[in-house]
Amino acid sequence: MTSVELPASEVNRPAEPPARWRAVLLAAVAACAASGIVYELALLTLAASLNGGGIVATSLIVAGYIAALGVGALVVKPLLAHAAIAFVAVEVLLSIVGGLSAAALYTAFAFIDDESMWMLAVSTALIGGLVGAEVPLLMTMLQRGRMAPDADHAADTGRTLADLNAADYLGALLGGLVWPFLLLPQLGMIRGAAATGIVNLLAAAVVAAFVLRRIVPTRQLLTALCALAAALALLATLLARSADIETTSRQRLYADPIIAYQHSAYQEIVVTQRGNDMRLYLDGGLQFSTRDEYRYTESLVYPALGAGARSVLVLGGGDGLVARELLRQPGIARIVQVELDPAVIQLARTTMRRTNGGSLDSPRVKVVIDDAMRWLRTPHPDVVPAGGFDAVIVDLPDPDTPVLGRLYSTEFYALVGHALAADGLMVVQSGSPFSTQTAFWRTASSIRAAGYAVTPYHVYVPTFGDWGFALARRGAGAPTPTVPPNAPPLRFLNQHVLDAATVFPDDTRPRPLEPSTLDNPRIVDDMRHGYD
């Protein structure tokens, strides 16, 4: 690294002891790296929560952020002669931009939806550029504090770079762990980003207290401290008012009053209610409305039970509605419910208890908190009946992200087959054969490719429109959807409805498609394009 001529203000000033220089600055490096990675993760979380967060959006954010790192490193070169004061300025700007990013983007999505993606792109570029400026500034400051003026320059540069990289990468690791396990679940996106901005300010304040006071004039130091104090006041105000900002912005996204909200480690969960109509949303997607959920639930559950199912595996369905219907069916003795998100289960047992009848607390229901694919890959002889379950009901959200897309893959359905009895039935909620036609038929093709005989069927659910399912069993001979002869009184489903449900009009007629697999999750792209 070429030496930088010291400004006049730094000439003849006493140098800070090298060990203290390095320790303080490397601690600042770690804190800044942790903050930088948290900002990027916050942007990715916002993209997922607000806009679906598909592969394209994720790739653009990551690539744009990395490109901005390089641009920031180039742009800061003229400021290297004043590295210490420039570093504080960069940290003040970064703390403000990064700390306010979640609140600004959340508000933009709620009030000016068409511009929210542009703001996401601009925020990515600004944060990446400011983070990219940190390393050259810190490298310059560390070089000025090297052990001795006549030390071997190349070796000293290598040692400095090694220290800088180690602190940077360890800080990034810390930020990567803190965001999903602490900041996001405990503080949420808005307060989590604001708290991270305050960490940035504290790192800059440490530099000002231990380093800047030795090498800059008093006026510049006071200016830097005032800027830090002003930024701190701004972020503290955001922390104090974040609940009001978030509540106002979130409520604007939903037509009905919000009665419960939680941002879990996996998703944003919102429950609304107007009169007798309660609705559940996961990451903004409607999961049910009590006005007509019985149409969906009855159509999903009863065709899978055959003539005498006694054990049922439910994958997803954390709202407890499937379990409610299963408990009504005579003969059902054992229900195993595998749900990823404990926050959904908690809301099902409290806020949604009246809707699901407290089904998840029945002694006949065993609730397992786990990822469905991971659970299926692990032997469970104490849970899975000998010979497998009589029925498997797959009630998962639509596959609009890669994480959900793997649960609609041929490999996933093959794993389900290991838990299914030889003559058992599996039913899969498959989306709309009208509005997401390709994804619907892709699901049927993926199930068929896993060795099942498949019968697609569809019903009308006013809240969702035309909605479809796939009934399947291992081996030859597609199953015929039937209402069990001993079914309890139903509000919607009967055999005449099911007979008609297997008929598709010409505009949604069956389409032979390549299956969706783990290697090529075609269904995620299908969901993004919707109807075609």
Protein backbone atom coordinates (compact mmCIF):
# COMPACT_ATOMS: atom_id res chain seq x y z
CA MET A 1 0.00 0.00 0.00
CA THR A 2 1.46 3.37 -0.98
CA SER A 3 2.14 5.71 1.89
CA VAL A 4 -0.16 8.67 2.35
CA GLU A 5 1.22 12.06 3.22
CA LEU A 6 -0.04 13.22 6.58
CA PRO A 7 -1.99 16.48 6.66
CA ALA A 8 -0.47 19.36 8.52
CA SER A 9 -2.82 18.81 11.44
CA GLU A 10 -1.24 15.42 12.09
CA VAL A 11 2.41 16.47 11.92
CA ASN A 12 4.29 16.28 15.24
CA ARG A 13 1.25 14.93 17.10
CA PRO A 14 2.06 12.17 19.57
CA ALA A 15 1.18 8.73 18.15
CA GLU A 16 -1.08 6.43 20.08
CA PRO A 17 0.72 3.30 21.30
CA PRO A 18 0.58 0.80 18.40
CA ALA A 19 -1.05 -1.99 20.45
CA ARG A 20 -3.89 0.29 21.48
CA TRP A 21 -4.26 1.61 17.92
CA ARG A 22 -4.64 -1.87 16.54
CA ALA A 23 -6.90 -3.20 19.26
CA VAL A 24 -9.29 -0.26 19.05
CA LEU A 25 -9.41 -0.13 15.28
CA LEU A 26 -9.75 -3.89 14.85
CA ALA A 27 -12.64 -3.89 17.32
CA ALA A 28 -14.22 -1.14 15.22
CA VAL A 29 -13.63 -3.27 12.10
CA ALA A 30 -15.46 -6.21 13.67
CA ALA A 31 -18.38 -4.05 14.80
CA CYS A 32 -18.68 -2.40 11.39
CA ALA A 33 -18.47 -5.71 9.56
CA ALA A 34 -21.21 -7.12 11.78
CA SER A 35 -23.36 -4.06 11.09
CA GLY A 36 -22.72 -4.26 7.36
CA ILE A 37 -23.80 -7.88 7.08
CA VAL A 38 -26.89 -7.17 9.20
CA TYR A 39 -27.89 -4.39 6.81
CA GLU A 40 -27.58 -6.75 3.85
CA LEU A 41 -29.57 -9.46 5.64
CA ALA A 42 -32.21 -6.88 6.55
CA LEU A 43 -32.53 -5.97 2.86
CA LEU A 44 -32.91 -9.65 1.95
CA THR A 45 -35.51 -10.10 4.68
CA LEU A 46 -37.43 -7.07 3.42
CA ALA A 47 -37.33 -8.42 -0.13
CA ALA A 48 -38.74 -11.74 1.10
CA SER A 49 -41.41 -10.24 3.36
CA LEU A 50 -42.57 -7.44 1.08
CA ASN A 51 -42.05 -8.76 -2.44
CA GLY A 52 -41.76 -12.54 -2.19
CA GLY A 53 -37.96 -12.60 -2.21
CA GLY A 54 -37.50 -14.88 -5.23
CA ILE A 55 -34.18 -16.04 -6.63
CA VAL A 56 -33.97 -13.05 -8.97
CA ALA A 57 -34.53 -10.47 -6.22
CA THR A 58 -32.08 -12.21 -3.89
CA SER A 59 -29.42 -12.48 -6.59
CA LEU A 60 -29.79 -8.83 -7.55
CA ILE A 61 -29.49 -7.66 -3.94
CA VAL A 62 -26.42 -9.78 -3.24
CA ALA A 63 -24.73 -8.94 -6.55
CA GLY A 64 -25.64 -5.26 -6.27
CA TYR A 65 -24.32 -5.09 -2.73
CA ILE A 66 -20.99 -6.68 -3.67
CA ALA A 67 -20.62 -4.42 -6.71
CA ALA A 68 -21.32 -1.40 -4.50
CA LEU A 69 -18.54 -2.51 -2.14
CA GLY A 70 -16.07 -2.12 -4.99
CA VAL A 71 -17.46 1.25 -6.06
CA GLY A 72 -17.26 2.53 -2.50
CA ALA A 73 -13.62 1.46 -2.21
CA LEU A 74 -12.76 3.45 -5.34
CA VAL A 75 -14.78 6.55 -4.50
CA VAL A 76 -13.14 6.93 -1.07
CA LYS A 77 -9.58 7.08 -2.42
CA PRO A 78 -9.36 10.90 -2.40
CA LEU A 79 -10.25 10.89 1.30
CA LEU A 80 -7.46 8.57 2.43
CA ALA A 81 -5.27 11.55 3.38
CA HIS A 82 -7.84 12.27 6.11
CA ALA A 83 -8.70 8.66 6.89
CA ALA A 84 -9.70 9.04 10.54
CA ILE A 85 -12.22 11.86 10.12
CA ALA A 86 -13.50 10.31 6.87
CA PHE A 87 -14.07 7.01 8.68
CA VAL A 88 -16.26 8.70 11.29
CA ALA A 89 -18.20 10.49 8.56
CA VAL A 90 -18.77 7.22 6.70
CA GLU A 91 -19.97 5.52 9.89
CA VAL A 92 -22.39 8.35 10.63
CA LEU A 93 -23.85 8.13 7.13
CA LEU A 94 -23.95 4.35 7.21
CA SER A 95 -25.69 4.26 10.56
CA ILE A 96 -28.35 6.69 9.30
CA VAL A 97 -28.90 5.02 5.92
CA GLY A 98 -28.76 1.48 7.29
CA GLY A 99 -30.63 2.24 10.49
CA LEU A 100 -33.48 3.96 8.66
CA SER A 101 -33.57 1.56 5.68
CA ALA A 102 -36.10 -0.91 7.09
CA ALA A 103 -38.49 1.80 8.27
CA ALA A 104 -38.24 3.69 4.97
CA LEU A 105 -38.73 0.61 2.81
CA TYR A 106 -41.59 -0.75 4.92
CA THR A 107 -43.36 2.59 4.74
CA ALA A 108 -42.70 2.89 1.00
CA PHE A 109 -44.15 -0.57 0.40
CA ALA A 110 -47.28 0.33 2.33
CA PHE A 111 -47.88 3.77 0.80
CA ILE A 112 -46.15 3.77 -2.62
CA ASP A 113 -45.89 0.14 -3.61
CA ASP A 114 -44.77 0.86 -7.18
CA GLU A 115 -41.62 2.61 -5.95
CA SER A 116 -40.61 0.24 -3.16
CA MET A 117 -38.34 -1.92 -5.35
CA TRP A 118 -36.51 1.17 -6.58
CA MET A 119 -35.93 2.24 -3.00
CA LEU A 120 -34.68 -1.25 -2.20
CA ALA A 121 -32.16 -1.01 -5.05
CA VAL A 122 -31.00 2.47 -4.00
CA SER A 123 -30.65 1.38 -0.36
CA THR A 124 -28.58 -1.63 -1.44
CA ALA A 125 -26.25 0.60 -3.47
CA LEU A 126 -25.83 3.22 -0.74
CA ILE A 127 -25.19 0.73 2.06
CA GLY A 128 -22.82 -1.33 -0.07
CA GLY A 129 -20.88 1.75 -1.13
CA LEU A 130 -20.46 3.02 2.42
CA VAL A 131 -19.42 -0.42 3.71
CA GLY A 132 -16.93 -0.68 0.83
CA ALA A 133 -15.37 2.62 1.87
CA GLU A 134 -14.61 1.33 5.37
CA VAL A 135 -11.80 -1.09 4.55
CA PRO A 136 -9.50 1.37 2.69
CA LEU A 137 -9.96 3.93 5.45
CA LEU A 138 -9.27 1.43 8.20
CA MET A 139 -6.29 0.01 6.32
CA THR A 140 -4.80 3.49 6.06
CA MET A 141 -5.34 4.14 9.77
CA LEU A 142 -3.78 0.82 10.75
CA GLN A 143 -0.77 1.46 8.49
CA ARG A 144 -0.16 4.78 10.20
CA GLY A 145 -0.01 3.01 13.54
CA ARG A 146 2.50 0.37 12.48
CA MET A 147 5.14 -0.76 14.92
CA ALA A 148 8.12 1.25 13.73
CA PRO A 149 8.81 3.71 10.93
CA ASP A 150 11.70 1.62 9.60
CA ALA A 151 9.92 -1.73 9.77
CA ASP A 152 9.82 -3.84 6.64
CA HIS A 153 6.98 -2.22 4.74
CA ALA A 154 5.83 -5.25 2.73
CA ALA A 155 5.78 -7.57 5.75
CA ASP A 156 4.02 -4.98 7.87
CA THR A 157 1.42 -4.43 5.18
CA GLY A 158 0.78 -8.16 5.06
CA ARG A 159 0.35 -8.34 8.82
CA THR A 160 -1.98 -5.36 8.77
CA LEU A 161 -4.08 -6.86 6.00
CA ALA A 162 -4.26 -10.19 7.86
CA ASP A 163 -5.48 -8.46 11.02
CA LEU A 164 -8.01 -6.43 9.05
CA ASN A 165 -9.39 -9.45 7.19
CA ALA A 166 -9.63 -11.53 10.35
CA ALA A 167 -11.58 -8.83 12.19
CA ASP A 168 -13.76 -8.19 9.14
CA TYR A 169 -14.72 -11.83 8.60
CA LEU A 170 -15.26 -12.58 12.28
CA GLY A 171 -17.47 -9.52 12.55
CA ALA A 172 -19.45 -10.68 9.51
CA LEU A 173 -19.95 -14.06 11.18
CA LEU A 174 -21.21 -12.32 14.31
CA GLY A 175 -23.66 -10.22 12.30
CA GLY A 176 -24.87 -13.28 10.39
CA LEU A 177 -25.71 -15.01 13.67
CA VAL A 178 -27.17 -12.02 15.48
CA TRP A 179 -29.72 -11.09 12.78
CA PRO A 180 -31.76 -14.34 12.54
CA PHE A 181 -31.38 -15.46 16.15
CA LEU A 182 -31.58 -12.20 18.10
CA LEU A 183 -32.37 -8.98 16.26
CA LEU A 184 -35.11 -10.15 13.90
CA PRO A 185 -37.14 -12.33 16.30
CA GLN A 186 -36.70 -10.00 19.29
CA LEU A 187 -36.82 -6.55 17.70
CA GLY A 188 -38.23 -7.03 14.21
CA MET A 189 -36.93 -5.49 11.00
CA ILE A 190 -37.37 -1.80 11.82
CA ARG A 191 -36.01 -1.78 15.37
CA GLY A 192 -33.37 -4.38 14.48
CA ALA A 193 -31.94 -2.19 11.72
CA ALA A 194 -32.09 0.89 13.97
CA ALA A 195 -30.28 -0.94 16.78
CA THR A 196 -27.60 -1.97 14.29
CA GLY A 197 -27.20 1.65 13.27
CA ILE A 198 -26.52 2.54 16.89
CA VAL A 199 -23.78 -0.12 16.98
CA ASN A 200 -22.22 1.66 14.00
CA LEU A 201 -22.29 4.91 15.91
CA LEU A 202 -20.73 3.35 18.98
CA ALA A 203 -17.88 1.99 16.85
CA ALA A 204 -17.31 5.45 15.41
CA ALA A 205 -17.50 6.98 18.89
CA VAL A 206 -14.78 4.61 20.10
CA VAL A 207 -12.56 5.67 17.22
CA ALA A 208 -13.24 9.31 18.02
CA ALA A 209 -12.50 8.84 21.72
CA PHE A 210 -9.29 6.84 21.40
CA VAL A 211 -7.87 7.77 18.01
CA LEU A 212 -9.37 10.91 16.52
CA ARG A 213 -8.57 13.12 19.49
CA ARG A 214 -4.86 12.47 18.90
CA ILE A 215 -4.66 13.35 15.24
CA VAL A 216 -7.25 16.00 14.34
CA PRO A 217 -7.82 19.57 15.49
CA THR A 218 -10.28 20.14 18.31
CA ARG A 219 -12.82 21.80 15.98
CA GLN A 220 -12.95 18.73 13.72
CA LEU A 221 -13.27 16.44 16.72
CA LEU A 222 -16.17 18.47 18.11
CA THR A 223 -17.84 18.44 14.69
CA ALA A 224 -17.49 14.67 14.52
CA LEU A 225 -18.90 14.24 18.02
CA CYS A 226 -21.87 16.50 17.22
CA ALA A 227 -22.59 14.48 14.08
CA LEU A 228 -22.45 11.27 16.12
CA ALA A 229 -24.79 12.72 18.72
CA ALA A 230 -27.28 13.93 16.09
CA ALA A 231 -27.32 10.52 14.37
CA LEU A 232 -27.74 8.81 17.73
CA ALA A 233 -30.69 11.04 18.58
CA LEU A 234 -32.29 10.26 15.21
CA LEU A 235 -31.94 6.49 15.64
CA ALA A 236 -33.07 6.63 19.27
CA THR A 237 -36.19 8.47 18.14
CA LEU A 238 -36.79 5.78 15.51
CA LEU A 239 -36.47 3.07 18.17
CA ALA A 240 -38.96 4.88 20.38
CA ARG A 241 -41.47 5.47 17.58
CA SER A 242 -40.91 2.28 15.59
CA ALA A 243 -44.01 0.58 16.94
CA ASP A 244 -46.22 3.44 15.69
CA ILE A 245 -44.51 3.50 12.30
CA GLU A 246 -44.75 -0.24 11.87
CA THR A 247 -48.34 -0.48 13.06
CA THR A 248 -49.51 2.34 10.78
CA SER A 249 -47.67 0.98 7.74
CA ARG A 250 -48.69 -2.62 8.34
CA GLN A 251 -52.34 -1.79 8.86
CA ARG A 252 -52.40 0.03 5.52
CA LEU A 253 -51.51 -3.26 3.83
CA TYR A 254 -54.61 -5.02 5.16
CA ALA A 255 -58.24 -4.13 4.64
CA ASP A 256 -59.32 -5.45 8.06
CA PRO A 257 -58.07 -4.53 11.54
CA ILE A 258 -55.00 -6.48 12.66
CA ILE A 259 -55.61 -8.38 15.91
CA ALA A 260 -52.32 -10.31 16.08
CA TYR A 261 -48.89 -9.87 14.55
CA GLN A 262 -45.57 -11.63 14.91
CA HIS A 263 -42.39 -11.70 12.85
CA SER A 264 -40.97 -15.13 13.58
CA ALA A 265 -37.63 -16.51 12.49
CA TYR A 266 -39.36 -17.80 9.33
CA GLN A 267 -42.07 -15.38 8.27
CA GLU A 268 -44.34 -12.44 9.04
CA ILE A 269 -47.60 -13.65 10.59
CA VAL A 270 -50.67 -11.40 10.58
CA VAL A 271 -54.18 -12.20 11.80
CA THR A 272 -57.00 -9.79 10.93
CA GLN A 273 -60.64 -9.73 11.94
CA ARG A 274 -63.70 -7.78 10.88
CA GLY A 275 -66.92 -8.98 12.48
CA ASN A 276 -66.91 -12.78 12.29
CA ASP A 277 -64.36 -12.91 9.47
CA MET A 278 -60.90 -13.85 10.75
CA ARG A 279 -58.05 -14.11 8.26
CA LEU A 280 -54.51 -15.45 8.50
CA TYR A 281 -51.69 -14.06 6.35
CA LEU A 282 -48.15 -15.45 6.07
CA ASP A 283 -45.68 -13.02 4.47
CA GLY A 284 -48.66 -11.15 3.07
CA GLY A 285 -50.27 -14.21 1.49
CA LEU A 286 -53.82 -15.08 2.59
CA GLN A 287 -54.04 -18.56 4.14
CA PHE A 288 -57.71 -18.70 5.11
CA SER A 289 -60.84 -16.69 5.77
CA THR A 290 -63.40 -17.98 8.23
CA ARG A 291 -66.11 -16.94 5.75
CA ASP A 292 -65.34 -19.90 3.52
CA GLU A 293 -62.37 -21.87 4.86
CA TYR A 294 -64.68 -24.86 5.41
CA ARG A 295 -64.92 -25.25 1.62
CA TYR A 296 -61.15 -25.48 1.33
CA THR A 297 -60.64 -27.61 4.45
CA GLU A 298 -63.37 -30.14 3.71
CA SER A 299 -62.16 -30.52 0.11
CA LEU A 300 -58.58 -31.06 1.28
CA VAL A 301 -59.24 -33.49 4.12
CA TYR A 302 -62.07 -35.93 3.40
CA PRO A 303 -61.03 -37.28 -0.03
CA ALA A 304 -57.76 -38.48 1.54
CA LEU A 305 -59.44 -40.58 4.25
CA GLY A 306 -60.78 -43.37 2.07
CA ALA A 307 -63.10 -45.82 3.78
CA GLY A 308 -61.42 -46.24 7.14
CA ALA A 309 -58.30 -44.19 7.84
CA ARG A 310 -57.15 -44.36 11.45
CA SER A 311 -53.78 -42.56 11.33
CA VAL A 312 -53.05 -39.32 9.48
CA LEU A 313 -49.88 -37.31 8.94
CA VAL A 314 -50.40 -33.58 8.38
CA LEU A 315 -47.49 -31.64 6.85
CA GLY A 316 -48.03 -27.93 7.41
CA GLY A 317 -51.53 -26.87 8.42
CA GLY A 318 -50.28 -25.07 11.50
CA ASP A 319 -53.53 -23.12 11.80
CA GLY A 320 -55.17 -26.30 13.18
CA LEU A 321 -58.06 -26.35 10.68
CA VAL A 322 -57.07 -29.69 9.12
CA ALA A 323 -56.71 -31.24 12.57
CA ARG A 324 -60.13 -29.88 13.48
CA GLU A 325 -61.76 -31.73 10.59
CA LEU A 326 -59.81 -34.91 11.22
CA LEU A 327 -61.00 -34.98 14.83
CA ARG A 328 -64.59 -34.88 13.56
CA GLN A 329 -64.10 -37.98 11.42
CA PRO A 330 -65.05 -41.21 13.22
CA GLY A 331 -62.25 -43.73 13.49
CA ILE A 332 -59.30 -41.30 13.43
CA ALA A 333 -57.17 -42.34 16.40
CA ARG A 334 -53.79 -40.71 15.70
CA ILE A 335 -52.83 -37.41 14.05
CA VAL A 336 -49.23 -36.26 13.71
CA GLN A 337 -48.89 -32.58 12.79
CA VAL A 338 -45.49 -31.41 11.48
CA GLU A 339 -45.21 -27.61 11.39
CA LEU A 340 -42.03 -25.59 10.91
CA ASP A 341 -42.94 -22.38 12.75
CA PRO A 342 -43.76 -22.58 16.48
CA ALA A 343 -45.17 -19.04 16.29
CA VAL A 344 -47.99 -20.27 14.03
CA ILE A 345 -48.77 -23.08 16.47
CA GLN A 346 -48.86 -20.60 19.34
CA LEU A 347 -51.30 -18.34 17.50
CA ALA A 348 -53.41 -21.37 16.55
CA ARG A 349 -53.67 -22.26 20.24
CA THR A 350 -54.60 -18.71 21.26
CA THR A 351 -55.88 -16.19 18.72
CA MET A 352 -57.26 -18.80 16.31
CA ARG A 353 -58.46 -21.26 18.94
CA ARG A 354 -62.13 -20.52 18.43
CA THR A 355 -61.76 -21.15 14.69
CA ASN A 356 -59.94 -24.46 15.00
CA GLY A 357 -61.81 -25.65 18.08
CA GLY A 358 -58.62 -26.11 20.11
CA SER A 359 -57.71 -29.05 17.88
CA LEU A 360 -53.97 -28.87 18.46
CA ASP A 361 -54.45 -29.53 22.18
CA SER A 362 -56.36 -32.77 21.62
CA PRO A 363 -54.66 -35.87 23.06
CA ARG A 364 -55.10 -37.49 19.65
CA VAL A 365 -52.89 -34.82 18.02
CA LYS A 366 -49.11 -34.88 18.34
CA VAL A 367 -47.57 -31.59 17.24
CA VAL A 368 -44.00 -31.77 15.95
CA ILE A 369 -42.01 -28.57 15.34
CA ASP A 370 -39.71 -29.36 12.43
CA ASP A 371 -39.08 -28.83 8.76
CA ALA A 372 -41.27 -31.29 6.84
CA MET A 373 -38.50 -32.54 4.56
CA ARG A 374 -36.01 -32.93 7.41
CA TRP A 375 -38.60 -34.77 9.49
CA LEU A 376 -39.43 -37.17 6.66
CA ARG A 377 -35.75 -38.00 6.15
CA THR A 378 -35.32 -39.03 9.79
CA PRO A 379 -36.70 -42.36 11.05
CA HIS A 380 -39.45 -41.96 13.68
CA PRO A 381 -40.47 -45.47 14.75
CA ASP A 382 -42.14 -44.09 17.88
CA VAL A 383 -44.36 -41.77 15.81
CA VAL A 384 -44.94 -43.45 12.44
CA PRO A 385 -47.37 -46.39 12.70
CA ALA A 386 -46.17 -49.82 11.62
CA GLY A 387 -46.79 -49.97 7.89
CA GLY A 388 -47.11 -46.19 7.56
CA PHE A 389 -49.90 -43.62 7.86
CA ASP A 390 -53.26 -44.34 6.28
CA ALA A 391 -53.36 -40.82 4.90
CA VAL A 392 -50.96 -37.90 4.41
CA ILE A 393 -52.31 -34.38 4.00
CA VAL A 394 -49.85 -31.82 2.61
CA ASP A 395 -51.16 -28.36 3.48
CA LEU A 396 -48.24 -26.04 2.78
CA PRO A 397 -48.10 -22.42 1.54
CA ASP A 398 -47.75 -21.84 -2.18
CA PRO A 399 -44.21 -22.48 -3.50
CA ASP A 400 -43.30 -18.87 -4.28
CA THR A 401 -39.82 -19.07 -2.71
CA PRO A 402 -36.97 -21.60 -3.14
CA VAL A 403 -37.44 -22.75 0.48
CA LEU A 404 -41.06 -23.67 -0.19
CA GLY A 405 -40.31 -24.87 -3.71
CA ARG A 406 -38.35 -27.87 -2.39
CA LEU A 407 -41.51 -29.01 -0.59
CA TYR A 408 -43.22 -29.30 -3.98
CA SER A 409 -40.44 -31.35 -5.56
CA THR A 410 -40.45 -34.93 -6.81
CA GLU A 411 -37.90 -35.78 -4.12
CA PHE A 412 -40.20 -34.48 -1.40
CA TYR A 413 -43.15 -36.56 -2.57
CA ALA A 414 -40.89 -39.61 -2.74
CA LEU A 415 -40.03 -39.06 0.93
CA VAL A 416 -43.72 -38.77 1.77
CA GLY A 417 -44.19 -42.19 0.19
CA HIS A 418 -41.89 -43.73 2.80
CA ALA A 419 -44.28 -42.63 5.53
CA LEU A 420 -47.43 -43.67 3.66
CA ALA A 421 -49.10 -47.06 3.98
CA ALA A 422 -49.11 -49.23 0.86
CA ASP A 423 -52.78 -48.54 0.21
CA GLY A 424 -52.78 -45.06 1.77
CA LEU A 425 -53.76 -41.81 0.08
CA MET A 426 -51.94 -38.49 -0.11
CA VAL A 427 -53.59 -35.18 -0.89
CA VAL A 428 -51.68 -31.99 -1.74
CA GLN A 429 -53.03 -28.45 -1.87
CA SER A 430 -51.90 -27.39 -5.32
CA GLY A 431 -52.94 -23.80 -5.84
CA SER A 432 -55.28 -22.38 -8.44
CA PRO A 433 -55.68 -24.19 -11.78
CA PHE A 434 -56.84 -20.86 -13.21
CA SER A 435 -54.61 -18.07 -11.86
CA THR A 436 -51.47 -20.23 -11.41
CA GLN A 437 -52.26 -22.83 -14.02
CA THR A 438 -48.70 -23.93 -14.81
CA ALA A 439 -47.82 -24.35 -11.13
CA PHE A 440 -50.97 -26.43 -10.58
CA TRP A 441 -50.21 -28.91 -13.34
CA ARG A 442 -46.52 -28.85 -12.43
CA THR A 443 -47.47 -30.12 -8.98
CA ALA A 444 -49.42 -32.99 -10.49
CA SER A 445 -46.50 -33.86 -12.77
CA SER A 446 -44.03 -33.76 -9.88
CA ILE A 447 -46.18 -36.11 -7.78
CA ARG A 448 -46.59 -38.46 -10.74
CA ALA A 449 -42.82 -38.49 -11.33
CA ALA A 450 -42.37 -39.71 -7.74
CA GLY A 451 -44.27 -42.91 -8.56
CA TYR A 452 -47.84 -41.95 -7.69
CA ALA A 453 -51.06 -42.26 -9.63
CA VAL A 454 -52.65 -38.81 -9.47
CA THR A 455 -56.17 -37.41 -9.71
CA PRO A 456 -56.32 -33.60 -9.78
CA TYR A 457 -59.55 -31.92 -8.68
CA HIS A 458 -60.74 -28.40 -7.99
CA VAL A 459 -63.51 -26.52 -6.18
CA TYR A 460 -64.61 -22.93 -5.87
CA VAL A 461 -63.58 -21.08 -2.70
CA PRO A 462 -64.90 -17.49 -2.89
CA THR A 463 -61.90 -15.98 -1.10
CA PHE A 464 -59.38 -17.78 -3.33
CA GLY A 465 -61.37 -18.40 -6.50
CA ASP A 466 -60.92 -21.69 -8.36
CA TRP A 467 -58.69 -23.80 -6.11
CA GLY A 468 -57.14 -27.16 -6.75
CA PHE A 469 -55.79 -30.28 -5.07
CA ALA A 470 -54.07 -33.48 -6.10
CA LEU A 471 -55.15 -36.88 -4.71
CA ALA A 472 -52.52 -39.58 -5.11
CA ARG A 473 -51.58 -43.13 -4.18
CA ARG A 474 -48.58 -45.29 -4.83
CA GLY A 475 -48.67 -47.61 -7.82
CA ALA A 476 -51.11 -47.92 -10.70
CA GLY A 477 -54.71 -46.81 -10.76
CA ALA A 478 -55.55 -43.19 -10.11
CA PRO A 479 -57.74 -42.82 -7.00
CA THR A 480 -61.29 -41.53 -7.25
CA PRO A 481 -62.06 -38.70 -4.81
CA THR A 482 -64.87 -39.83 -2.52
CA VAL A 483 -66.49 -38.66 0.67
CA PRO A 484 -66.02 -41.32 3.39
CA PRO A 485 -69.29 -43.19 4.01
CA ASN A 486 -69.10 -42.38 7.73
CA ALA A 487 -68.16 -38.71 7.31
CA PRO A 488 -69.75 -36.25 9.73
CA PRO A 489 -72.26 -33.68 8.44
CA LEU A 490 -70.42 -31.33 6.07
CA ARG A 491 -71.31 -27.78 5.07
CA PHE A 492 -70.00 -27.92 1.49
CA LEU A 493 -68.57 -31.22 0.29
CA ASN A 494 -70.64 -34.11 -1.01
CA GLN A 495 -70.10 -36.79 -3.61
CA HIS A 496 -71.79 -34.81 -6.38
CA VAL A 497 -69.39 -31.92 -5.76
CA LEU A 498 -66.40 -34.27 -5.87
CA ASP A 499 -67.58 -35.96 -9.05
CA ALA A 500 -67.75 -32.58 -10.75
CA ALA A 501 -64.45 -31.47 -9.20
CA THR A 502 -62.41 -33.86 -11.37
CA VAL A 503 -63.68 -32.22 -14.57
CA PHE A 504 -61.60 -29.34 -15.96
CA PRO A 505 -62.78 -26.93 -18.68
CA ASP A 506 -60.75 -26.32 -21.80
CA ASP A 507 -59.10 -23.15 -20.50
CA THR A 508 -57.59 -25.06 -17.56
CA ARG A 509 -57.25 -28.48 -19.18
CA PRO A 510 -54.46 -30.84 -18.05
CA ARG A 511 -50.97 -30.00 -19.26
CA PRO A 512 -48.06 -32.48 -19.35
CA LEU A 513 -45.06 -30.72 -17.81
CA GLU A 514 -41.58 -31.56 -16.61
CA PRO A 515 -41.52 -32.21 -12.84
CA SER A 516 -40.14 -29.75 -10.34
CA THR A 517 -37.05 -31.15 -8.60
CA LEU A 518 -34.52 -30.04 -6.03
CA ASP A 519 -32.01 -29.53 -8.82
CA ASN A 520 -34.46 -27.57 -10.97
CA PRO A 521 -37.28 -26.03 -8.88
CA ARG A 522 -39.37 -25.07 -11.89
CA ILE A 523 -42.47 -24.48 -9.79
CA VAL A 524 -40.97 -21.40 -8.14
CA ASP A 525 -40.62 -19.74 -11.52
CA ASP A 526 -44.15 -20.89 -12.40
CA MET A 527 -45.51 -19.10 -9.34
CA ARG A 528 -43.66 -15.92 -10.21
CA HIS A 529 -45.17 -15.81 -13.71
CA GLY A 530 -48.64 -16.79 -12.50
CA TYR A 531 -51.22 -17.38 -15.19
CA ASP A 532 -49.87 -17.92 -18.71
